[in-house]
Amino acid sequence: MARGADRRARSGHLAGDARPGAGLLLLVVATPADAIAPLGAEPPGVPVAVVCLGPGEPGETEALGSALAAARERGHRIAGKPYVLDPRDDTEERLLDLFLDLGPTRIGTLDPDPESVAVEGAERKYAVLEPPGRGAAARAALHAARACQERTGRPVYVDCRRAGVEPYAPGEAASRYPRQSRWLNRGADGRLSVHLLSAAGVLRWTETVPGGPDWEGPESLETPPELMPGLTVLQGPDGYVRLFGLRRATDKGDQALEVVTAVQYQSGRPLAPWQSVGNPNAREWERARQLGFPVVTIDAQGTLHVFVRNVGRGISTRRQDRNGHWTGWEHLRGLRIADELAALPGPDGGVHLVARRRDHTRAVHWHYDPVARSWTEDRTVPVRMVPGSLAAAPEAGGVRFRYADTNELCLWRPGAPAPEALGGADGSGAATGAVGATVQGWSCTVLVRPGGDGTSVIGVHADGRPDTGTWWAPGGERSLVAPAVALDAAGRAVVAVLGTDGRPRIMRQREGAEGLDFEPWRAL
């Protein structure tokens, strides 16, 4: 392997047989063995480079070499030999030097907050279940990625692989923070906006006039420091766009996490100040670092519901009424869950929460009754889902997921005896959609999802009638996050991806066309 000390700072010379191409993925890991699983999960054709903070145990170098050779055979472009940093160097400074030299679009790293367990004894202490160097490598990579983007102005996107996940689980199932979806939204003034989280904060692109075609951006929004690389975007009936994330709350401890949120009231206008929603395990920050990622919805009364997986692998929730008042954290009793939840308003004015059970393909369902102000749990959910595929459906009161036995997309409405099949068994991850697009005179739901070759796939079925059949067609562009879709001011479907070069791209339904016909892709 090439030693980090052997390279000239920002020289542009690589210690291998290939130069990085556009869309470079730079894997930053603690030791060589840690790079094997994320490398195997990448779709073919991705340019990859590897940086290790240490040499690891005997045999790790050889194992990574074999994995890189296999990746080349699958069509990856390997940008040189792996780099191993000198332990005498400042890690973050050395990583920044490499980032500036290689110019990655993506950083792939490990879980900055690996799971830990309580240790018996008089004092409450916790032991991390994996080598602590992995979390340190991830935190150093996050800091260096932010510094690189702030210095160069080029967006960098970060993905962290969850501790303890199956070695060759796909990226959607293995990510510590859910990959963004529903990141394309139409404001009250009719203009579409894109919100994407980069290493240095939230970036926004906005249509200059309703219906386009021109956009302005990217605009860097005011973002809390130490925001972890995940973002939940929710648009309620009021048209406001709400952003939710996890922040490293260094004022409460070097490893503490808390949920934070901000609101965009008008398209193109500054965000309202970010607010802390807190942490249900805030009294024990050593445990609080294991917090799951927030999932949110708004009920018929305009009450905002926030859900997180807590340290005990259960559900914790808070509510904010229309006047901005928050309840305390409430812990829902029931089955232990994975970090995979979907929240949605119900037709009765309440809220449904569906979660995949921990280490299982089965699901559990909770329902909030707004009259009784209480939750009920249902363990008899007729759903078996592929990890990483659960999402709220655009139709009120439904969730989408991939059926565990066939990988086929399905729609399930709480209370229904069985899910409805949507086809689309190729690919992985969730599907999102928009309701109300006009196709050949019919009001239709347009769906987008990742396909088997990594490119986006577009589907359509009659609104509220997936049983009549869903038709799928290739979209032709890969996306670093889940593809998104929304309707513009003219009611046309607009599909968006984050291209492998780090630039958002959209294609808009062709006006007056027969069928679901789109204009060419356009980079923003």
Protein backbone atom coordinates (compact mmCIF):
# COMPACT_ATOMS: atom_id res chain seq x y z
CA MET A 1 0.00 0.00 0.00
CA ALA A 2 1.04 3.59 -0.52
CA ARG A 3 1.98 5.32 2.70
CA GLY A 4 0.39 8.73 3.27
CA ALA A 5 3.80 10.23 4.07
CA ASP A 6 5.04 9.26 0.61
CA ARG A 7 2.65 11.60 -1.19
CA ARG A 8 3.21 15.24 -2.05
CA ALA A 9 0.47 17.50 -0.70
CA ARG A 10 -2.12 18.29 -3.40
CA SER A 11 0.28 17.10 -6.08
CA GLY A 12 -2.40 15.41 -8.17
CA HIS A 13 -0.20 12.30 -8.51
CA LEU A 14 -1.65 8.97 -7.47
CA ALA A 15 0.20 5.91 -6.26
CA GLY A 16 -1.63 3.57 -8.60
CA ASP A 17 -2.78 2.77 -12.10
CA ALA A 18 -5.74 5.12 -12.52
CA ARG A 19 -6.72 8.70 -11.92
CA PRO A 20 -9.98 9.48 -10.13
CA GLY A 21 -12.88 10.20 -12.45
CA ALA A 22 -15.91 12.40 -11.96
CA GLY A 23 -18.00 11.26 -9.05
CA LEU A 24 -15.13 9.73 -7.07
CA LEU A 25 -16.12 7.76 -3.98
CA LEU A 26 -13.40 7.99 -1.33
CA LEU A 27 -13.72 5.31 1.35
CA VAL A 28 -12.23 6.43 4.68
CA VAL A 29 -11.88 3.53 7.12
CA ALA A 30 -9.94 2.59 10.23
CA THR A 31 -8.14 -0.43 8.73
CA PRO A 32 -8.12 -2.18 5.31
CA ALA A 33 -10.68 -4.84 6.29
CA ASP A 34 -13.27 -2.13 7.01
CA ALA A 35 -13.32 -1.09 3.33
CA ILE A 36 -14.32 -4.52 1.97
CA ALA A 37 -18.06 -4.43 2.80
CA PRO A 38 -18.82 -0.88 1.54
CA LEU A 39 -16.79 -1.59 -1.59
CA GLY A 40 -18.86 -4.69 -2.30
CA ALA A 41 -22.13 -2.80 -1.88
CA GLU A 42 -21.39 -0.23 -4.61
CA PRO A 43 -22.99 -0.63 -8.06
CA PRO A 44 -20.59 -1.25 -10.98
CA GLY A 45 -18.79 1.61 -12.69
CA VAL A 46 -18.11 3.78 -9.64
CA PRO A 47 -14.60 5.33 -9.39
CA VAL A 48 -13.22 4.44 -5.94
CA ALA A 49 -10.21 5.29 -3.79
CA VAL A 50 -9.48 3.99 -0.29
CA VAL A 51 -7.83 5.68 2.70
CA CYS A 52 -6.98 3.69 5.84
CA LEU A 53 -6.04 5.30 9.14
CA GLY A 54 -3.94 2.29 10.06
CA PRO A 55 -2.54 -0.95 8.57
CA GLY A 56 -4.75 -3.28 10.64
CA GLU A 57 -4.03 -6.89 11.49
CA PRO A 58 -1.93 -9.30 9.39
CA GLY A 59 -3.81 -10.35 6.28
CA GLU A 60 -6.04 -7.28 6.03
CA THR A 61 -3.96 -5.68 3.28
CA GLU A 62 -4.13 -8.82 1.17
CA ALA A 63 -7.89 -9.20 1.74
CA LEU A 64 -8.52 -5.63 0.59
CA GLY A 65 -6.30 -6.19 -2.42
CA SER A 66 -8.45 -9.16 -3.44
CA ALA A 67 -11.61 -7.11 -2.93
CA LEU A 68 -10.25 -4.31 -5.12
CA ALA A 69 -9.34 -6.80 -7.85
CA ALA A 70 -12.88 -8.20 -7.73
CA ALA A 71 -14.26 -4.65 -7.89
CA ARG A 72 -12.25 -3.99 -11.06
CA GLU A 73 -13.77 -7.09 -12.62
CA ARG A 74 -17.26 -5.74 -11.78
CA GLY A 75 -16.45 -2.54 -13.65
CA HIS A 76 -15.26 -0.23 -10.89
CA ARG A 77 -12.50 2.27 -11.68
CA ILE A 78 -10.02 1.93 -8.83
CA ALA A 79 -8.08 5.19 -8.39
CA GLY A 80 -4.68 3.96 -7.31
CA LYS A 81 -3.54 1.86 -4.39
CA PRO A 82 -5.05 2.36 -0.94
CA TYR A 83 -3.44 5.02 1.21
CA VAL A 84 -2.40 4.27 4.80
CA LEU A 85 -1.90 7.32 6.98
CA ASP A 86 1.14 7.73 9.15
CA PRO A 87 0.05 7.61 12.82
CA ARG A 88 2.48 10.44 13.56
CA ASP A 89 0.47 12.82 11.36
CA ASP A 90 -2.57 14.83 12.42
CA THR A 91 -5.40 12.65 11.07
CA GLU A 92 -7.90 15.35 10.14
CA GLU A 93 -5.23 17.54 8.58
CA ARG A 94 -3.88 14.62 6.54
CA LEU A 95 -7.38 13.64 5.42
CA LEU A 96 -8.10 17.20 4.36
CA ASP A 97 -4.90 17.19 2.35
CA LEU A 98 -6.00 14.03 0.54
CA PHE A 99 -9.53 15.33 -0.01
CA LEU A 100 -8.21 18.52 -1.59
CA ASP A 101 -5.88 16.46 -3.77
CA LEU A 102 -8.38 13.85 -4.97
CA GLY A 103 -11.54 16.00 -5.13
CA PRO A 104 -14.09 13.32 -4.15
CA THR A 105 -17.79 13.76 -4.77
CA ARG A 106 -18.66 11.27 -2.05
CA ILE A 107 -17.07 10.16 1.21
CA GLY A 108 -17.97 6.69 2.41
CA THR A 109 -17.03 5.99 6.01
CA LEU A 110 -18.08 4.10 9.14
CA ASP A 111 -20.55 4.68 11.97
CA PRO A 112 -19.46 7.67 14.08
CA ASP A 113 -21.67 6.42 16.95
CA PRO A 114 -21.35 2.63 17.10
CA GLU A 115 -23.63 0.70 19.41
CA SER A 116 -22.52 0.12 23.00
CA VAL A 117 -23.83 -1.83 25.98
CA ALA A 118 -23.97 -1.13 29.69
CA VAL A 119 -21.16 -2.59 31.80
CA GLU A 120 -22.06 -4.07 35.17
CA GLY A 121 -20.67 -2.24 38.17
CA ALA A 122 -21.29 0.48 40.69
CA GLU A 123 -20.78 3.22 38.10
CA ARG A 124 -22.85 3.37 34.92
CA LYS A 125 -20.39 2.86 32.08
CA TYR A 126 -20.71 1.68 28.51
CA ALA A 127 -18.55 -0.47 26.28
CA VAL A 128 -18.49 -0.03 22.50
CA LEU A 129 -19.14 -3.29 20.65
CA GLU A 130 -16.60 -2.66 17.91
CA PRO A 131 -13.07 -1.22 17.76
CA PRO A 132 -13.25 2.45 18.85
CA GLY A 133 -10.96 3.36 15.95
CA ARG A 134 -13.88 2.93 13.57
CA GLY A 135 -15.93 5.67 15.19
CA ALA A 136 -12.84 7.89 15.38
CA ALA A 137 -12.19 7.37 11.66
CA ALA A 138 -15.76 8.33 10.81
CA ARG A 139 -15.70 11.49 12.92
CA ALA A 140 -12.38 12.55 11.41
CA ALA A 141 -13.77 11.96 7.91
CA LEU A 142 -16.84 14.10 8.65
CA HIS A 143 -14.71 16.99 9.90
CA ALA A 144 -12.31 16.81 6.96
CA ALA A 145 -15.16 16.60 4.41
CA ARG A 146 -16.76 19.72 5.84
CA ALA A 147 -13.45 21.59 5.79
CA CYS A 148 -12.81 20.48 2.19
CA GLN A 149 -16.17 21.76 0.97
CA GLU A 150 -15.83 25.04 2.86
CA ARG A 151 -12.42 25.60 1.28
CA THR A 152 -13.24 24.59 -2.30
CA GLY A 153 -16.96 25.39 -2.59
CA ARG A 154 -17.55 21.99 -4.23
CA PRO A 155 -20.34 19.95 -2.62
CA VAL A 156 -19.23 16.73 -0.94
CA TYR A 157 -21.76 14.12 0.16
CA VAL A 158 -21.13 11.68 3.01
CA ASP A 159 -22.56 8.25 3.74
CA CYS A 160 -21.82 6.36 6.99
CA ARG A 161 -22.11 2.58 7.14
CA ARG A 162 -23.95 1.29 10.20
CA ALA A 163 -22.03 -0.70 12.79
CA GLY A 164 -22.94 -4.38 12.93
CA VAL A 165 -24.84 -4.44 9.63
CA GLU A 166 -24.74 -7.48 7.33
CA PRO A 167 -21.42 -7.35 5.42
CA TYR A 168 -22.92 -7.12 1.93
CA ALA A 169 -26.18 -5.37 2.70
CA PRO A 170 -27.06 -2.78 0.01
CA GLY A 171 -26.38 0.86 0.78
CA GLU A 172 -30.03 1.68 1.51
CA ALA A 173 -30.14 -0.96 4.27
CA ALA A 174 -26.63 -0.36 5.60
CA SER A 175 -26.59 3.42 5.95
CA ARG A 176 -26.44 4.78 9.51
CA TYR A 177 -28.57 7.73 8.36
CA PRO A 178 -31.41 7.15 5.86
CA ARG A 179 -30.67 8.27 2.32
CA GLN A 180 -32.73 11.32 1.48
CA SER A 181 -36.13 11.07 -0.17
CA ARG A 182 -38.90 13.61 -0.78
CA TRP A 183 -36.23 16.27 -1.21
CA LEU A 184 -38.11 17.92 -4.09
CA ASN A 185 -41.09 20.02 -2.95
CA ARG A 186 -43.45 22.69 -4.31
CA GLY A 187 -43.94 25.75 -2.12
CA ALA A 188 -47.10 27.79 -1.58
CA ASP A 189 -46.03 30.14 -4.40
CA GLY A 190 -45.82 27.22 -6.86
CA ARG A 191 -42.03 27.12 -7.13
CA LEU A 192 -40.16 23.85 -6.71
CA SER A 193 -37.24 23.60 -4.29
CA VAL A 194 -34.50 21.03 -3.80
CA HIS A 195 -32.97 20.53 -0.33
CA LEU A 196 -29.90 18.30 -0.10
CA LEU A 197 -27.53 17.80 2.80
CA SER A 198 -23.85 18.11 1.94
CA ALA A 199 -20.82 17.77 4.20
CA ALA A 200 -20.90 21.51 4.95
CA GLY A 201 -24.65 21.88 5.44
CA VAL A 202 -27.95 22.09 3.57
CA LEU A 203 -27.86 23.18 -0.08
CA ARG A 204 -30.94 24.54 -1.83
CA TRP A 205 -31.92 25.03 -5.46
CA THR A 206 -35.16 26.92 -6.31
CA GLU A 207 -37.13 27.54 -9.50
CA THR A 208 -36.90 31.19 -10.52
CA VAL A 209 -40.59 31.21 -11.54
CA PRO A 210 -43.35 28.62 -11.00
CA GLY A 211 -43.10 25.90 -13.62
CA GLY A 212 -39.50 26.71 -14.56
CA PRO A 213 -37.54 26.02 -16.59
CA ASP A 214 -34.78 28.03 -14.89
CA TRP A 215 -33.40 27.46 -11.38
CA GLU A 216 -31.14 29.36 -9.01
CA GLY A 217 -28.63 27.77 -6.67
CA PRO A 218 -26.97 26.07 -5.04
CA GLU A 219 -27.49 28.28 -2.04
CA SER A 220 -25.83 27.28 1.23
CA LEU A 221 -28.39 27.57 4.04
CA GLU A 222 -27.62 28.39 7.63
CA THR A 223 -27.03 24.98 9.20
CA PRO A 224 -25.98 23.92 12.70
CA PRO A 225 -22.36 22.82 12.97
CA GLU A 226 -21.82 19.09 13.41
CA LEU A 227 -25.05 18.13 11.60
CA MET A 228 -24.77 14.42 10.90
CA PRO A 229 -25.07 13.29 7.24
CA GLY A 230 -28.80 12.67 7.04
CA LEU A 231 -31.84 14.88 6.41
CA THR A 232 -35.59 14.28 6.71
CA VAL A 233 -37.72 16.67 4.62
CA LEU A 234 -41.42 17.03 5.37
CA GLN A 235 -43.96 19.27 3.65
CA GLY A 236 -47.27 19.65 5.43
CA PRO A 237 -50.69 20.81 4.22
CA ASP A 238 -49.63 24.41 4.95
CA GLY A 239 -46.93 24.16 2.25
CA TYR A 240 -44.09 24.80 4.70
CA VAL A 241 -40.96 22.68 4.24
CA ARG A 242 -39.60 21.30 7.51
CA LEU A 243 -36.07 19.93 7.80
CA PHE A 244 -35.04 17.45 10.52
CA GLY A 245 -31.65 16.03 11.37
CA LEU A 246 -29.27 14.90 14.10
CA ARG A 247 -26.66 17.27 15.50
CA ARG A 248 -23.51 16.45 17.43
CA ALA A 249 -24.39 18.42 20.58
CA THR A 250 -20.83 19.18 21.70
CA ASP A 251 -22.15 21.63 24.29
CA LYS A 252 -23.66 18.61 26.07
CA GLY A 253 -20.77 16.21 25.53
CA ASP A 254 -18.35 15.25 22.77
CA GLN A 255 -20.46 12.26 21.78
CA ALA A 256 -23.98 13.56 22.45
CA LEU A 257 -26.65 13.74 19.73
CA GLU A 258 -29.91 15.69 19.57
CA VAL A 259 -32.72 16.07 17.06
CA VAL A 260 -32.89 19.52 15.42
CA THR A 261 -35.35 21.14 13.03
CA ALA A 262 -35.86 24.25 10.90
CA VAL A 263 -38.71 25.52 8.72
CA GLN A 264 -38.80 27.15 5.28
CA TYR A 265 -42.00 29.21 5.16
CA GLN A 266 -41.54 30.60 1.64
CA SER A 267 -39.70 29.30 -1.41
CA GLY A 268 -36.26 30.85 -1.77
CA ARG A 269 -36.41 32.62 1.61
CA PRO A 270 -34.04 32.01 4.54
CA LEU A 271 -34.79 29.20 6.95
CA ALA A 272 -36.26 30.05 10.33
CA PRO A 273 -33.71 29.47 13.13
CA TRP A 274 -32.90 25.86 13.90
CA GLN A 275 -34.41 24.52 17.10
CA SER A 276 -33.52 21.58 19.31
CA VAL A 277 -36.12 18.85 19.72
CA GLY A 278 -33.85 17.09 22.21
CA ASN A 279 -33.05 13.45 22.89
CA PRO A 280 -35.22 10.96 24.83
CA ASN A 281 -32.11 9.61 26.58
CA ALA A 282 -30.66 13.04 27.33
CA ARG A 283 -29.88 12.24 30.97
CA GLU A 284 -27.29 9.70 29.88
CA TRP A 285 -25.33 11.15 26.98
CA GLU A 286 -23.15 8.05 26.66
CA ARG A 287 -26.30 6.19 25.68
CA ALA A 288 -27.87 9.14 23.87
CA ARG A 289 -25.25 8.89 21.12
CA GLN A 290 -27.02 5.75 19.88
CA LEU A 291 -30.16 7.68 18.91
CA GLY A 292 -31.97 6.66 15.72
CA PHE A 293 -32.82 9.12 12.95
CA PRO A 294 -36.04 11.20 13.24
CA VAL A 295 -39.15 10.35 11.24
CA VAL A 296 -42.01 12.88 11.16
CA THR A 297 -45.58 13.47 10.03
CA ILE A 298 -48.45 15.94 10.57
CA ASP A 299 -51.94 14.86 11.59
CA ALA A 300 -55.33 16.32 10.57
CA GLN A 301 -55.25 18.85 13.43
CA GLY A 302 -51.90 20.23 12.28
CA THR A 303 -49.97 18.57 15.11
CA LEU A 304 -46.41 17.59 14.26
CA HIS A 305 -45.31 14.12 15.43
CA VAL A 306 -41.61 13.26 15.74
CA PHE A 307 -40.43 9.66 16.22
CA VAL A 308 -36.98 8.22 16.95
CA ARG A 309 -35.60 4.80 17.81
CA ASN A 310 -34.28 5.12 21.36
CA VAL A 311 -31.34 3.41 23.04
CA GLY A 312 -33.56 0.55 24.22
CA ARG A 313 -34.55 -0.20 20.59
CA GLY A 314 -38.07 1.08 21.25
CA ILE A 315 -39.94 4.13 19.96
CA SER A 316 -39.85 7.57 21.57
CA THR A 317 -42.10 10.37 20.32
CA ARG A 318 -42.89 14.06 20.88
CA ARG A 319 -45.67 16.26 19.53
CA GLN A 320 -45.78 19.95 18.65
CA ASP A 321 -49.16 21.66 18.35
CA ARG A 322 -50.04 24.40 15.87
CA ASN A 323 -49.03 27.03 18.42
CA GLY A 324 -45.51 25.64 18.67
CA HIS A 325 -45.87 23.98 22.09
CA TRP A 326 -44.04 20.66 22.57
CA THR A 327 -45.05 17.73 24.73
CA GLY A 328 -42.41 15.78 26.62
CA TRP A 329 -40.93 12.57 25.24
CA GLU A 330 -43.27 9.58 25.40
CA HIS A 331 -41.92 6.04 25.14
CA LEU A 332 -44.13 3.56 23.27
CA ARG A 333 -44.15 0.10 24.74
CA GLY A 334 -43.90 -2.85 22.41
CA LEU A 335 -41.57 -4.82 20.20
CA ARG A 336 -37.97 -3.83 19.62
CA ILE A 337 -37.34 -2.25 16.22
CA ALA A 338 -34.68 -1.60 13.63
CA ASP A 339 -33.75 1.89 12.42
CA GLU A 340 -36.49 1.78 9.79
CA LEU A 341 -39.73 3.66 10.39
CA ALA A 342 -42.47 5.29 8.34
CA ALA A 343 -44.99 7.76 9.82
CA LEU A 344 -48.15 8.89 8.09
CA PRO A 345 -51.49 10.59 8.82
CA GLY A 346 -54.52 8.33 8.99
CA PRO A 347 -57.98 8.86 7.52
CA ASP A 348 -59.43 9.11 11.05
CA GLY A 349 -57.32 12.18 11.83
CA GLY A 350 -54.80 10.16 13.83
CA VAL A 351 -51.31 8.94 12.99
CA HIS A 352 -49.88 5.58 11.95
CA LEU A 353 -46.33 4.42 12.57
CA VAL A 354 -44.93 1.33 10.85
CA ALA A 355 -41.49 -0.03 11.74
CA ARG A 356 -39.43 -3.04 10.75
CA ARG A 357 -38.76 -5.29 13.70
CA ARG A 358 -35.19 -5.61 14.91
CA ASP A 359 -33.22 -8.36 13.12
CA HIS A 360 -36.39 -9.38 11.30
CA THR A 361 -38.28 -8.86 8.05
CA ARG A 362 -41.61 -8.54 9.84
CA ALA A 363 -43.16 -5.23 10.85
CA VAL A 364 -45.04 -3.73 13.77
CA HIS A 365 -47.70 -0.99 13.61
CA TRP A 366 -48.76 1.67 16.10
CA HIS A 367 -51.84 3.89 15.82
CA TYR A 368 -52.41 7.18 17.65
CA ASP A 369 -56.02 8.00 18.52
CA PRO A 370 -56.32 11.82 18.73
CA VAL A 371 -59.49 11.62 20.82
CA ALA A 372 -58.13 9.22 23.44
CA ARG A 373 -54.62 10.63 23.00
CA SER A 374 -53.23 7.13 23.27
CA TRP A 375 -51.27 4.61 21.22
CA THR A 376 -52.14 1.01 20.39
CA GLU A 377 -49.73 -1.56 19.03
CA ASP A 378 -50.54 -4.16 16.36
CA ARG A 379 -48.14 -7.06 15.91
CA THR A 380 -50.26 -8.89 13.31
CA VAL A 381 -49.06 -6.82 10.35
CA PRO A 382 -49.23 -8.90 7.11
CA VAL A 383 -45.93 -7.48 5.91
CA ARG A 384 -42.47 -8.97 5.42
CA MET A 385 -40.09 -6.35 4.10
CA VAL A 386 -36.63 -6.13 2.60
CA PRO A 387 -34.42 -3.99 4.90
CA GLY A 388 -33.99 -0.45 3.59
CA SER A 389 -37.21 -0.41 1.54
CA LEU A 390 -39.87 1.01 3.90
CA ALA A 391 -41.35 4.46 3.12
CA ALA A 392 -44.59 6.36 3.57
CA ALA A 393 -46.69 6.32 0.40
CA PRO A 394 -47.92 9.54 -1.27
CA GLU A 395 -51.48 8.29 -0.86
CA ALA A 396 -52.92 9.07 2.56
CA GLY A 397 -52.70 6.16 4.98
CA GLY A 398 -50.30 3.78 3.23
CA VAL A 399 -46.70 2.57 3.29
CA ARG A 400 -44.56 1.10 0.54
CA PHE A 401 -41.90 -1.58 0.93
CA ARG A 402 -40.27 -4.45 -0.95
CA TYR A 403 -41.70 -7.88 -0.20
CA ALA A 404 -39.02 -10.03 1.42
CA ASP A 405 -39.64 -13.16 -0.71
CA THR A 406 -39.77 -11.52 -4.15
CA ASN A 407 -38.23 -8.03 -3.78
CA GLU A 408 -41.40 -6.70 -5.43
CA LEU A 409 -42.68 -3.30 -4.38
CA CYS A 410 -45.91 -3.38 -2.40
CA LEU A 411 -48.41 -0.96 -0.89
CA TRP A 412 -50.02 -1.69 2.48
CA ARG A 413 -52.70 0.33 4.21
CA PRO A 414 -52.97 -0.22 7.97
CA GLY A 415 -55.91 -2.50 8.63
CA ALA A 416 -55.81 -4.15 5.20
CA PRO A 417 -55.57 -7.97 5.27
CA ALA A 418 -52.77 -8.03 2.70
CA PRO A 419 -50.51 -5.68 0.74
CA GLU A 420 -51.05 -4.82 -2.92
CA ALA A 421 -48.31 -5.68 -5.44
CA LEU A 422 -46.80 -2.92 -7.59
CA GLY A 423 -44.21 -4.88 -9.58
CA GLY A 424 -40.71 -3.46 -9.95
CA ALA A 425 -38.80 -6.37 -8.42
CA ASP A 426 -35.47 -5.20 -9.83
CA GLY A 427 -33.26 -2.84 -7.82
CA SER A 428 -33.20 -2.07 -4.12
CA GLY A 429 -34.38 0.60 -1.71
CA ALA A 430 -37.63 2.49 -1.37
CA ALA A 431 -39.96 4.16 -3.86
CA THR A 432 -41.46 7.60 -3.51
CA GLY A 433 -44.22 9.22 -5.51
CA ALA A 434 -46.54 12.11 -6.29
CA VAL A 435 -50.32 11.96 -6.64
CA GLY A 436 -52.43 13.81 -9.20
CA ALA A 437 -50.39 13.85 -12.43
CA THR A 438 -52.48 13.85 -15.60
CA VAL A 439 -51.61 10.98 -17.96
CA GLN A 440 -53.84 10.49 -21.02
CA GLY A 441 -56.61 12.32 -19.25
CA TRP A 442 -56.41 10.19 -16.10
CA SER A 443 -55.32 11.34 -12.64
CA CYS A 444 -52.32 9.17 -11.81
CA THR A 445 -49.67 8.50 -9.19
CA VAL A 446 -46.10 8.76 -10.49
CA LEU A 447 -43.47 6.66 -8.69
CA VAL A 448 -39.67 6.73 -8.82
CA ARG A 449 -37.19 4.20 -7.45
CA PRO A 450 -33.66 2.88 -8.02
CA GLY A 451 -33.50 0.16 -10.69
CA GLY A 452 -31.42 -2.98 -10.93
CA ASP A 453 -28.53 -1.25 -12.74
CA GLY A 454 -28.56 1.70 -10.31
CA THR A 455 -30.41 4.08 -12.64
CA SER A 456 -33.79 5.56 -11.78
CA VAL A 457 -37.01 3.85 -12.85
CA ILE A 458 -40.37 5.61 -13.24
CA GLY A 459 -43.76 4.01 -12.67
CA VAL A 460 -47.36 5.12 -12.98
CA HIS A 461 -50.75 3.82 -11.88
CA ALA A 462 -54.23 5.30 -11.54
CA ASP A 463 -54.65 7.34 -8.36
CA GLY A 464 -55.87 5.11 -5.57
CA ARG A 465 -55.98 2.06 -7.86
CA PRO A 466 -52.61 0.28 -7.84
CA ASP A 467 -54.60 -2.94 -8.33
CA THR A 468 -55.22 -1.90 -11.95
CA GLY A 469 -51.50 -2.29 -12.66
CA THR A 470 -48.33 -0.24 -12.42
CA TRP A 471 -46.34 0.45 -15.57
CA TRP A 472 -42.57 0.93 -15.22
CA ALA A 473 -40.06 2.53 -17.60
CA PRO A 474 -36.34 3.38 -17.30
CA GLY A 475 -35.40 6.93 -16.31
CA GLY A 476 -31.78 6.60 -17.40
CA GLU A 477 -29.94 8.48 -14.64
CA ARG A 478 -28.25 7.26 -11.47
CA SER A 479 -28.79 9.05 -8.18
CA LEU A 480 -26.58 9.24 -5.10
CA VAL A 481 -29.75 9.50 -2.99
CA ALA A 482 -33.23 8.12 -3.55
CA PRO A 483 -34.77 9.76 -6.66
CA ALA A 484 -37.58 12.21 -5.94
CA VAL A 485 -40.72 13.37 -7.76
CA ALA A 486 -43.18 16.25 -7.34
CA LEU A 487 -45.76 18.11 -9.41
CA ASP A 488 -44.88 21.60 -10.66
CA ALA A 489 -47.18 24.63 -10.78
CA ALA A 490 -48.72 23.37 -14.03
CA GLY A 491 -49.41 19.92 -12.57
CA ARG A 492 -46.61 18.25 -14.54
CA ALA A 493 -44.56 15.49 -12.93
CA VAL A 494 -40.93 16.48 -12.27
CA VAL A 495 -38.41 13.74 -11.48
CA ALA A 496 -35.15 14.64 -9.74
CA VAL A 497 -31.90 12.77 -9.08
CA LEU A 498 -28.61 13.71 -7.49
CA GLY A 499 -26.19 12.84 -10.29
CA THR A 500 -22.98 10.91 -9.72
CA ASP A 501 -21.08 14.17 -10.28
CA GLY A 502 -22.87 15.70 -7.28
CA ARG A 503 -25.21 17.93 -9.33
CA PRO A 504 -29.01 17.62 -9.14
CA ARG A 505 -30.77 16.82 -12.41
CA ILE A 506 -34.45 17.07 -13.26
CA MET A 507 -36.69 16.03 -16.11
CA ARG A 508 -40.16 17.46 -16.51
CA GLN A 509 -43.28 15.87 -17.96
CA ARG A 510 -43.73 17.12 -21.49
CA GLU A 511 -46.69 19.46 -21.73
CA GLY A 512 -49.56 18.10 -23.80
CA ALA A 513 -47.81 14.80 -24.53
CA GLU A 514 -49.66 11.51 -24.84
CA GLY A 515 -48.72 9.17 -22.03
CA LEU A 516 -46.09 9.90 -19.43
CA ASP A 517 -43.50 11.53 -21.72
CA PHE A 518 -40.62 13.61 -20.32
CA GLU A 519 -38.35 16.34 -21.60
CA PRO A 520 -34.58 15.59 -21.53
CA TRP A 521 -32.69 15.59 -18.24
CA ARG A 522 -31.36 18.99 -17.23
CA ALA A 523 -28.57 19.68 -14.71
CA LEU A 524 -29.31 22.41 -12.17
